[in-house]
Amino acid sequence: MLARTGRPPLDNPRDYRITVRVDKSEREILNNVCEMTGKGKNDAIRTALLRYYDYLKKAGK
């Protein structure tokens, strides 16, 4: 039997895709955040989402 090639399966695969429409100023903000943090757009959005979720939990919502 041949060994499998390619990437190993992930422990937490990202199976879901979400599309968001933004205006020009929101796009510029996202681009600036990415430049300032060195993160990609996906990582910047994930980080913002997790921080907002933590904020809401602490606020008791």
Protein backbone atom coordinates (compact mmCIF):
# COMPACT_ATOMS: atom_id res chain seq x y z
CA MET A 1 0.00 0.00 0.00
CA LEU A 2 1.32 3.43 -0.90
CA ALA A 3 1.79 6.15 1.69
CA ARG A 4 -0.71 8.98 1.44
CA THR A 5 0.66 12.29 0.24
CA GLY A 6 -0.56 15.80 0.84
CA ARG A 7 -1.45 17.77 3.91
CA PRO A 8 -2.44 15.99 7.10
CA PRO A 9 -6.03 16.52 8.27
CA LEU A 10 -6.56 19.45 10.63
CA ASP A 11 -7.82 19.06 14.19
CA ASN A 12 -10.19 21.99 13.71
CA PRO A 13 -10.93 22.36 9.99
CA ARG A 14 -12.50 25.54 8.73
CA ASP A 15 -15.43 24.05 6.85
CA TYR A 16 -17.67 27.10 6.66
CA ARG A 17 -17.34 30.09 4.36
CA ILE A 18 -18.90 33.47 5.11
CA THR A 19 -19.00 36.35 2.66
CA VAL A 20 -19.29 39.92 3.89
CA ARG A 21 -19.83 43.00 1.78
CA VAL A 22 -18.09 46.17 3.00
CA ASP A 23 -17.93 49.73 1.75
CA LYS A 24 -14.78 51.54 0.71
CA SER A 25 -13.96 52.99 4.15
CA GLU A 26 -14.46 49.62 5.90
CA ARG A 27 -12.19 47.99 3.33
CA GLU A 28 -9.51 50.60 3.95
CA ILE A 29 -9.80 50.04 7.72
CA LEU A 30 -9.39 46.29 7.25
CA ASN A 31 -6.39 46.81 4.97
CA ASN A 32 -4.82 49.19 7.53
CA VAL A 33 -5.38 46.70 10.37
CA CYS A 34 -3.73 43.98 8.29
CA GLU A 35 -0.73 46.19 7.52
CA MET A 36 -0.38 47.28 11.16
CA THR A 37 -0.66 43.74 12.60
CA GLY A 38 0.97 41.76 9.82
CA LYS A 39 -2.06 39.44 9.77
CA GLY A 40 -4.14 38.41 6.81
CA LYS A 41 -7.71 39.54 6.40
CA ASN A 42 -9.13 36.24 7.61
CA ASP A 43 -7.02 36.25 10.77
CA ALA A 44 -7.82 39.90 11.49
CA ILE A 45 -11.56 39.25 11.19
CA ARG A 46 -11.38 36.09 13.33
CA THR A 47 -9.45 37.96 16.03
CA ALA A 48 -11.95 40.83 16.01
CA LEU A 49 -14.86 38.40 16.24
CA LEU A 50 -13.34 36.56 19.22
CA ARG A 51 -12.55 39.82 21.03
CA TYR A 52 -16.07 41.12 20.46
CA TYR A 53 -17.51 37.85 21.77
CA ASP A 54 -15.33 38.09 24.91
CA TYR A 55 -16.44 41.70 25.38
CA LEU A 56 -20.11 40.74 25.18
CA LYS A 57 -19.63 37.88 27.64
CA LYS A 58 -17.94 40.21 30.13
CA ALA A 59 -20.73 42.77 29.69
CA GLY A 60 -23.25 40.10 30.64
CA LYS A 61 -25.11 40.03 27.35
